[in-house]
Amino acid sequence: MKNIILLAPPAAGKGTQGKLISETYHIPTISIGEIMRNARNPETEVGRIIIECQDNRKLVPLDITLKLMKDRINEKDCENGYILDGFPRSIEQAEEYDRMLKEMGKDEGIVIFMDIDKDLAFKRTMSRIVCPTCGSTYNLLVPELKPKEENICDNCHNVLKKRTDDNEETFYKGFNTYMENTFDLIKYYEDKKILRKVIVDEEKTPQELFEEIKEILEND
């Protein structure tokens, strides 16, 4: 199985597809956000730097990010591949990540871009509800992602709520920023001929979209 980078604007369904890929091919999802959270430790030099940067809304130095990622990729569960979520976010990060893989003797893998229309992404965002207790996410616009019982979490049976930041202003700001920041990154991977695009639309179920991704992964 290839190493996979998942790129997707807000509300494209990256989390759902990442989970399906992980479960089907038995490879882990590596979240840079989770790596940073786990490394926050006031008793280590790296941990203190991360705390200082995050608490002051500054970027963690790239060399630290890459070191933590390299350590994670070297763990046994990544031997047969992994899914990278939340990284890279810029050309500089992508280039340094490529250099790191080369030094590790690993293939660059494949990049899957989940392309979704802005209006559909907005509708999905406005239809999203979450469990404040366990964090499970549901979507009233997608039949397969609705809770089994109206407004009740399938997992812990608590009442579901709409996220406070799911509003029009926040959505359009986040979506536009993502696309602006990702445009050059998409071109970068297109030029390397390792980017594959799948279209997210209202007609496709999450499983149908996964079948498209599965075909790419198995036949590319």
C-alpha atoms as a PDB file:
ATOM      1  CA  MET A   1       0.000   0.000   0.000  1.00  0.00           C
ATOM      2  CA  LYS A   2       1.212   3.492  -0.858  1.00  0.00           C
ATOM      3  CA  ASN A   3       1.758   6.348   1.553  1.00  0.00           C
ATOM      4  CA  ILE A   4      -1.222   8.655   1.074  1.00  0.00           C
ATOM      5  CA  ILE A   5      -1.679  12.388   1.494  1.00  0.00           C
ATOM      6  CA  LEU A   6      -5.340  13.419   1.705  1.00  0.00           C
ATOM      7  CA  LEU A   7      -6.111  16.983   0.624  1.00  0.00           C
ATOM      8  CA  ALA A   8      -9.661  18.268   1.005  1.00  0.00           C
ATOM      9  CA  PRO A   9     -11.455  21.566   1.666  1.00  0.00           C
ATOM     10  CA  PRO A  10     -13.748  21.845   4.697  1.00  0.00           C
ATOM     11  CA  ALA A  11     -16.824  19.574   4.579  1.00  0.00           C
ATOM     12  CA  ALA A  12     -15.516  17.396   1.731  1.00  0.00           C
ATOM     13  CA  GLY A  13     -15.677  14.315   3.942  1.00  0.00           C
ATOM     14  CA  LYS A  14     -11.957  13.736   4.459  1.00  0.00           C
ATOM     15  CA  GLY A  15     -12.459  12.214   7.898  1.00  0.00           C
ATOM     16  CA  THR A  16     -14.960   9.661   6.594  1.00  0.00           C
ATOM     17  CA  GLN A  17     -12.772   8.655   3.659  1.00  0.00           C
ATOM     18  CA  GLY A  18      -9.656   8.514   5.799  1.00  0.00           C
ATOM     19  CA  LYS A  19     -11.400   6.148   8.183  1.00  0.00           C
ATOM     20  CA  LEU A  20     -12.589   3.900   5.335  1.00  0.00           C
ATOM     21  CA  ILE A  21      -9.090   3.759   3.834  1.00  0.00           C
ATOM     22  CA  SER A  22      -7.545   3.025   7.219  1.00  0.00           C
ATOM     23  CA  GLU A  23     -10.005   0.238   8.040  1.00  0.00           C
ATOM     24  CA  THR A  24      -9.822  -1.351   4.599  1.00  0.00           C
ATOM     25  CA  TYR A  25      -6.053  -1.384   4.188  1.00  0.00           C
ATOM     26  CA  HIS A  26      -5.087  -1.555   7.874  1.00  0.00           C
ATOM     27  CA  ILE A  27      -2.881   1.519   7.799  1.00  0.00           C
ATOM     28  CA  PRO A  28      -2.902   4.346  10.353  1.00  0.00           C
ATOM     29  CA  THR A  29      -3.925   7.947   9.882  1.00  0.00           C
ATOM     30  CA  ILE A  30      -1.173  10.313  10.964  1.00  0.00           C
ATOM     31  CA  SER A  31      -2.616  13.607  12.155  1.00  0.00           C
ATOM     32  CA  ILE A  32      -0.075  16.380  12.601  1.00  0.00           C
ATOM     33  CA  GLY A  33      -2.435  18.001  15.103  1.00  0.00           C
ATOM     34  CA  GLU A  34      -2.502  14.854  17.218  1.00  0.00           C
ATOM     35  CA  ILE A  35       1.287  14.512  17.024  1.00  0.00           C
ATOM     36  CA  MET A  36       1.672  18.062  18.338  1.00  0.00           C
ATOM     37  CA  ARG A  37      -0.828  17.514  21.134  1.00  0.00           C
ATOM     38  CA  ASN A  38       1.002  14.378  22.238  1.00  0.00           C
ATOM     39  CA  ALA A  39       4.353  16.199  22.171  1.00  0.00           C
ATOM     40  CA  ARG A  40       3.236  19.097  24.383  1.00  0.00           C
ATOM     41  CA  ASN A  41       5.334  18.510  27.469  1.00  0.00           C
ATOM     42  CA  PRO A  42       6.840  21.215  29.685  1.00  0.00           C
ATOM     43  CA  GLU A  43       9.538  18.767  30.797  1.00  0.00           C
ATOM     44  CA  THR A  44      11.148  18.418  27.342  1.00  0.00           C
ATOM     45  CA  GLU A  45      12.787  21.049  25.163  1.00  0.00           C
ATOM     46  CA  VAL A  46      10.678  20.162  22.125  1.00  0.00           C
ATOM     47  CA  GLY A  47       7.534  20.071  24.231  1.00  0.00           C
ATOM     48  CA  ARG A  48       8.235  23.537  25.626  1.00  0.00           C
ATOM     49  CA  ILE A  49       8.799  24.961  22.146  1.00  0.00           C
ATOM     50  CA  ILE A  50       5.515  23.490  20.933  1.00  0.00           C
ATOM     51  CA  ILE A  51       3.629  24.882  23.925  1.00  0.00           C
ATOM     52  CA  GLU A  52       5.188  28.321  23.423  1.00  0.00           C
ATOM     53  CA  CYS A  53       4.338  28.368  19.696  1.00  0.00           C
ATOM     54  CA  GLN A  54       0.798  27.044  20.006  1.00  0.00           C
ATOM     55  CA  ASP A  55      -0.138  29.189  22.984  1.00  0.00           C
ATOM     56  CA  ASN A  56       1.027  32.266  21.081  1.00  0.00           C
ATOM     57  CA  ARG A  57      -0.556  31.201  17.769  1.00  0.00           C
ATOM     58  CA  LYS A  58       2.786  30.784  16.029  1.00  0.00           C
ATOM     59  CA  LEU A  59       3.874  28.007  13.697  1.00  0.00           C
ATOM     60  CA  VAL A  60       5.946  25.243  15.229  1.00  0.00           C
ATOM     61  CA  PRO A  61       9.392  25.253  13.548  1.00  0.00           C
ATOM     62  CA  LEU A  62       9.393  22.955  10.528  1.00  0.00           C
ATOM     63  CA  ASP A  63      12.447  20.995  11.669  1.00  0.00           C
ATOM     64  CA  ILE A  64      10.601  19.996  14.843  1.00  0.00           C
ATOM     65  CA  THR A  65       7.476  19.050  12.898  1.00  0.00           C
ATOM     66  CA  LEU A  66       9.508  16.858  10.543  1.00  0.00           C
ATOM     67  CA  LYS A  67      11.403  15.206  13.395  1.00  0.00           C
ATOM     68  CA  LEU A  68       8.162  14.275  15.148  1.00  0.00           C
ATOM     69  CA  MET A  69       6.668  13.035  11.895  1.00  0.00           C
ATOM     70  CA  LYS A  70       9.746  10.962  11.094  1.00  0.00           C
ATOM     71  CA  ASP A  71       9.543   9.324  14.506  1.00  0.00           C
ATOM     72  CA  ARG A  72       5.869   8.497  13.895  1.00  0.00           C
ATOM     73  CA  ILE A  73       6.454   7.130  10.387  1.00  0.00           C
ATOM     74  CA  ASN A  74       9.194   4.867  11.743  1.00  0.00           C
ATOM     75  CA  GLU A  75       6.735   3.128  14.072  1.00  0.00           C
ATOM     76  CA  LYS A  76       5.802  -0.445  13.195  1.00  0.00           C
ATOM     77  CA  ASP A  77       2.185   0.256  12.203  1.00  0.00           C
ATOM     78  CA  CYS A  78       3.415   2.466   9.326  1.00  0.00           C
ATOM     79  CA  GLU A  79       5.501  -0.252   7.685  1.00  0.00           C
ATOM     80  CA  ASN A  80       2.828  -0.931   5.051  1.00  0.00           C
ATOM     81  CA  GLY A  81       1.844   2.690   4.499  1.00  0.00           C
ATOM     82  CA  TYR A  82      -0.058   5.471   6.200  1.00  0.00           C
ATOM     83  CA  ILE A  83      -2.490   8.322   5.592  1.00  0.00           C
ATOM     84  CA  LEU A  84      -1.168  11.821   6.210  1.00  0.00           C
ATOM     85  CA  ASP A  85      -3.780  14.328   7.414  1.00  0.00           C
ATOM     86  CA  GLY A  86      -3.089  18.034   7.906  1.00  0.00           C
ATOM     87  CA  PHE A  87       0.370  18.081   6.354  1.00  0.00           C
ATOM     88  CA  PRO A  88       1.889  19.447   4.194  1.00  0.00           C
ATOM     89  CA  ARG A  89       0.182  22.833   3.988  1.00  0.00           C
ATOM     90  CA  SER A  90       2.733  24.711   1.884  1.00  0.00           C
ATOM     91  CA  ILE A  91       5.299  24.170  -0.855  1.00  0.00           C
ATOM     92  CA  GLU A  92       8.121  24.528   1.682  1.00  0.00           C
ATOM     93  CA  GLN A  93       6.630  21.831   3.877  1.00  0.00           C
ATOM     94  CA  ALA A  94       6.038  19.583   0.866  1.00  0.00           C
ATOM     95  CA  GLU A  95       9.615  19.938  -0.352  1.00  0.00           C
ATOM     96  CA  GLU A  96      11.075  19.225   3.085  1.00  0.00           C
ATOM     97  CA  TYR A  97       8.737  16.248   3.534  1.00  0.00           C
ATOM     98  CA  ASP A  98       9.892  14.869   0.155  1.00  0.00           C
ATOM     99  CA  ARG A  99      13.521  15.251   1.203  1.00  0.00           C
ATOM    100  CA  MET A 100      12.802  13.457   4.461  1.00  0.00           C
ATOM    101  CA  LEU A 101      11.161  10.534   2.640  1.00  0.00           C
ATOM    102  CA  LYS A 102      14.128  10.285   0.281  1.00  0.00           C
ATOM    103  CA  GLU A 103      16.533  10.143   3.218  1.00  0.00           C
ATOM    104  CA  MET A 104      14.369   7.422   4.781  1.00  0.00           C
ATOM    105  CA  GLY A 105      14.329   5.450   1.520  1.00  0.00           C
ATOM    106  CA  LYS A 106      10.562   5.752   1.221  1.00  0.00           C
ATOM    107  CA  ASP A 107       8.427   6.364  -1.861  1.00  0.00           C
ATOM    108  CA  GLU A 108       6.616   9.698  -2.223  1.00  0.00           C
ATOM    109  CA  GLY A 109       3.360   7.790  -2.493  1.00  0.00           C
ATOM    110  CA  ILE A 110       0.191   9.337  -3.828  1.00  0.00           C
ATOM    111  CA  VAL A 111      -1.832  12.503  -3.170  1.00  0.00           C
ATOM    112  CA  ILE A 112      -5.631  12.381  -3.333  1.00  0.00           C
ATOM    113  CA  PHE A 113      -7.453  15.688  -3.663  1.00  0.00           C
ATOM    114  CA  MET A 114     -11.148  15.597  -2.770  1.00  0.00           C
ATOM    115  CA  ASP A 115     -12.630  18.407  -4.856  1.00  0.00           C
ATOM    116  CA  ILE A 116     -15.960  19.799  -3.642  1.00  0.00           C
ATOM    117  CA  ASP A 117     -18.049  22.722  -4.877  1.00  0.00           C
ATOM    118  CA  LYS A 118     -18.098  25.626  -2.426  1.00  0.00           C
ATOM    119  CA  ASP A 119     -21.914  25.791  -2.278  1.00  0.00           C
ATOM    120  CA  LEU A 120     -22.219  22.079  -1.505  1.00  0.00           C
ATOM    121  CA  ALA A 121     -19.514  22.369   1.145  1.00  0.00           C
ATOM    122  CA  PHE A 122     -21.460  25.235   2.728  1.00  0.00           C
ATOM    123  CA  LYS A 123     -24.696  23.242   2.778  1.00  0.00           C
ATOM    124  CA  ARG A 124     -22.916  20.306   4.352  1.00  0.00           C
ATOM    125  CA  THR A 125     -21.332  22.528   6.973  1.00  0.00           C
ATOM    126  CA  MET A 126     -24.676  24.028   7.926  1.00  0.00           C
ATOM    127  CA  SER A 127     -26.136  20.509   8.237  1.00  0.00           C
ATOM    128  CA  ARG A 128     -23.397  19.193  10.526  1.00  0.00           C
ATOM    129  CA  ILE A 129     -24.143  18.221  14.131  1.00  0.00           C
ATOM    130  CA  VAL A 130     -21.727  16.842  16.707  1.00  0.00           C
ATOM    131  CA  CYS A 131     -21.741  15.051  20.020  1.00  0.00           C
ATOM    132  CA  PRO A 132     -20.354  17.355  22.733  1.00  0.00           C
ATOM    133  CA  THR A 133     -19.391  14.313  24.808  1.00  0.00           C
ATOM    134  CA  CYS A 134     -17.543  11.891  22.515  1.00  0.00           C
ATOM    135  CA  GLY A 135     -16.940  14.166  19.509  1.00  0.00           C
ATOM    136  CA  SER A 136     -18.751  11.999  16.935  1.00  0.00           C
ATOM    137  CA  THR A 137     -19.829  13.984  13.880  1.00  0.00           C
ATOM    138  CA  TYR A 138     -23.025  13.540  11.856  1.00  0.00           C
ATOM    139  CA  ASN A 139     -24.503  15.248   8.819  1.00  0.00           C
ATOM    140  CA  LEU A 140     -28.213  15.665   8.185  1.00  0.00           C
ATOM    141  CA  LEU A 141     -27.586  16.248   4.466  1.00  0.00           C
ATOM    142  CA  VAL A 142     -25.972  12.846   3.914  1.00  0.00           C
ATOM    143  CA  PRO A 143     -28.277   9.863   4.639  1.00  0.00           C
ATOM    144  CA  GLU A 144     -25.373   7.569   5.554  1.00  0.00           C
ATOM    145  CA  LEU A 145     -24.086  10.108   8.070  1.00  0.00           C
ATOM    146  CA  LYS A 146     -27.338  10.814   9.898  1.00  0.00           C
ATOM    147  CA  PRO A 147     -27.712   9.549  13.488  1.00  0.00           C
ATOM    148  CA  LYS A 148     -29.881   6.443  13.845  1.00  0.00           C
ATOM    149  CA  GLU A 149     -32.110   8.286  16.288  1.00  0.00           C
ATOM    150  CA  GLU A 150     -32.900  11.943  15.619  1.00  0.00           C
ATOM    151  CA  ASN A 151     -30.492  14.282  17.469  1.00  0.00           C
ATOM    152  CA  ILE A 152     -29.057  11.412  19.551  1.00  0.00           C
ATOM    153  CA  CYS A 153     -25.456  10.168  19.318  1.00  0.00           C
ATOM    154  CA  ASP A 154     -25.183   6.574  18.101  1.00  0.00           C
ATOM    155  CA  ASN A 155     -22.174   5.932  20.339  1.00  0.00           C
ATOM    156  CA  CYS A 156     -22.900   7.508  23.724  1.00  0.00           C
ATOM    157  CA  HIS A 157     -26.582   8.450  23.334  1.00  0.00           C
ATOM    158  CA  ASN A 158     -26.129  12.082  24.311  1.00  0.00           C
ATOM    159  CA  VAL A 159     -27.977  14.951  22.617  1.00  0.00           C
ATOM    160  CA  LEU A 160     -26.270  16.241  19.468  1.00  0.00           C
ATOM    161  CA  LYS A 161     -25.615  19.927  18.907  1.00  0.00           C
ATOM    162  CA  LYS A 162     -24.600  22.270  16.117  1.00  0.00           C
ATOM    163  CA  ARG A 163     -21.017  23.539  16.346  1.00  0.00           C
ATOM    164  CA  THR A 164     -20.836  27.184  17.386  1.00  0.00           C
ATOM    165  CA  ASP A 165     -18.308  27.936  14.637  1.00  0.00           C
ATOM    166  CA  ASP A 166     -20.490  26.459  11.883  1.00  0.00           C
ATOM    167  CA  ASN A 167     -21.767  29.746  10.491  1.00  0.00           C
ATOM    168  CA  GLU A 168     -21.644  31.469   7.108  1.00  0.00           C
ATOM    169  CA  GLU A 169     -18.858  33.927   7.900  1.00  0.00           C
ATOM    170  CA  THR A 170     -16.548  31.333   9.441  1.00  0.00           C
ATOM    171  CA  PHE A 171     -17.198  28.828   6.652  1.00  0.00           C
ATOM    172  CA  TYR A 172     -16.444  31.114   3.715  1.00  0.00           C
ATOM    173  CA  LYS A 173     -13.355  32.522   5.406  1.00  0.00           C
ATOM    174  CA  GLY A 174     -12.035  29.033   6.118  1.00  0.00           C
ATOM    175  CA  PHE A 175     -12.908  27.603   2.702  1.00  0.00           C
ATOM    176  CA  ASN A 176     -11.392  30.488   0.755  1.00  0.00           C
ATOM    177  CA  THR A 177      -8.246  30.480   2.880  1.00  0.00           C
ATOM    178  CA  TYR A 178      -7.833  26.742   2.394  1.00  0.00           C
ATOM    179  CA  MET A 179      -8.198  26.930  -1.380  1.00  0.00           C
ATOM    180  CA  GLU A 180      -5.816  29.890  -1.651  1.00  0.00           C
ATOM    181  CA  ASN A 181      -3.183  28.159   0.453  1.00  0.00           C
ATOM    182  CA  THR A 182      -3.641  24.811  -1.287  1.00  0.00           C
ATOM    183  CA  PHE A 183      -3.669  26.006  -4.916  1.00  0.00           C
ATOM    184  CA  ASP A 184       0.130  25.981  -5.264  1.00  0.00           C
ATOM    185  CA  LEU A 185       0.362  22.690  -3.380  1.00  0.00           C
ATOM    186  CA  ILE A 186      -2.047  21.013  -5.801  1.00  0.00           C
ATOM    187  CA  LYS A 187       0.006  22.316  -8.743  1.00  0.00           C
ATOM    188  CA  TYR A 188       3.193  21.079  -7.060  1.00  0.00           C
ATOM    189  CA  TYR A 189       1.883  17.525  -6.827  1.00  0.00           C
ATOM    190  CA  GLU A 190       0.326  17.673 -10.291  1.00  0.00           C
ATOM    191  CA  ASP A 191       3.750  18.538 -11.706  1.00  0.00           C
ATOM    192  CA  LYS A 192       5.213  15.543  -9.864  1.00  0.00           C
ATOM    193  CA  LYS A 193       2.431  13.429 -11.434  1.00  0.00           C
ATOM    194  CA  ILE A 194       1.347  11.911  -8.129  1.00  0.00           C
ATOM    195  CA  LEU A 195      -1.895  13.860  -7.593  1.00  0.00           C
ATOM    196  CA  ARG A 196      -5.238  12.183  -8.255  1.00  0.00           C
ATOM    197  CA  LYS A 197      -8.555  14.019  -8.023  1.00  0.00           C
ATOM    198  CA  VAL A 198     -11.970  12.720  -6.995  1.00  0.00           C
ATOM    199  CA  ILE A 199     -15.094  14.840  -7.283  1.00  0.00           C
ATOM    200  CA  VAL A 200     -17.387  15.109  -4.268  1.00  0.00           C
ATOM    201  CA  ASP A 201     -21.007  15.799  -5.260  1.00  0.00           C
ATOM    202  CA  GLU A 202     -24.531  15.359  -3.935  1.00  0.00           C
ATOM    203  CA  GLU A 203     -25.192  12.277  -6.038  1.00  0.00           C
ATOM    204  CA  LYS A 204     -22.388  10.165  -4.571  1.00  0.00           C
ATOM    205  CA  THR A 205     -22.678   8.353  -1.284  1.00  0.00           C
ATOM    206  CA  PRO A 206     -19.571   8.164   0.934  1.00  0.00           C
ATOM    207  CA  GLN A 207     -19.227   4.494  -0.072  1.00  0.00           C
ATOM    208  CA  GLU A 208     -19.398   5.318  -3.784  1.00  0.00           C
ATOM    209  CA  LEU A 209     -16.729   7.967  -3.347  1.00  0.00           C
ATOM    210  CA  PHE A 210     -14.599   5.473  -1.450  1.00  0.00           C
ATOM    211  CA  GLU A 211     -14.909   2.996  -4.324  1.00  0.00           C
ATOM    212  CA  GLU A 212     -13.378   5.634  -6.605  1.00  0.00           C
ATOM    213  CA  ILE A 213     -10.521   6.192  -4.162  1.00  0.00           C
ATOM    214  CA  LYS A 214     -10.089   2.443  -3.771  1.00  0.00           C
ATOM    215  CA  GLU A 215      -9.762   2.029  -7.538  1.00  0.00           C
ATOM    216  CA  ILE A 216      -7.065   4.707  -7.607  1.00  0.00           C
ATOM    217  CA  LEU A 217      -5.126   3.078  -4.776  1.00  0.00           C
ATOM    218  CA  GLU A 218      -5.296  -0.414  -6.254  1.00  0.00           C
ATOM    219  CA  ASN A 219      -4.764   0.376  -9.939  1.00  0.00           C
ATOM    220  CA  ASP A 220      -2.598   3.498 -10.039  1.00  0.00           C
END
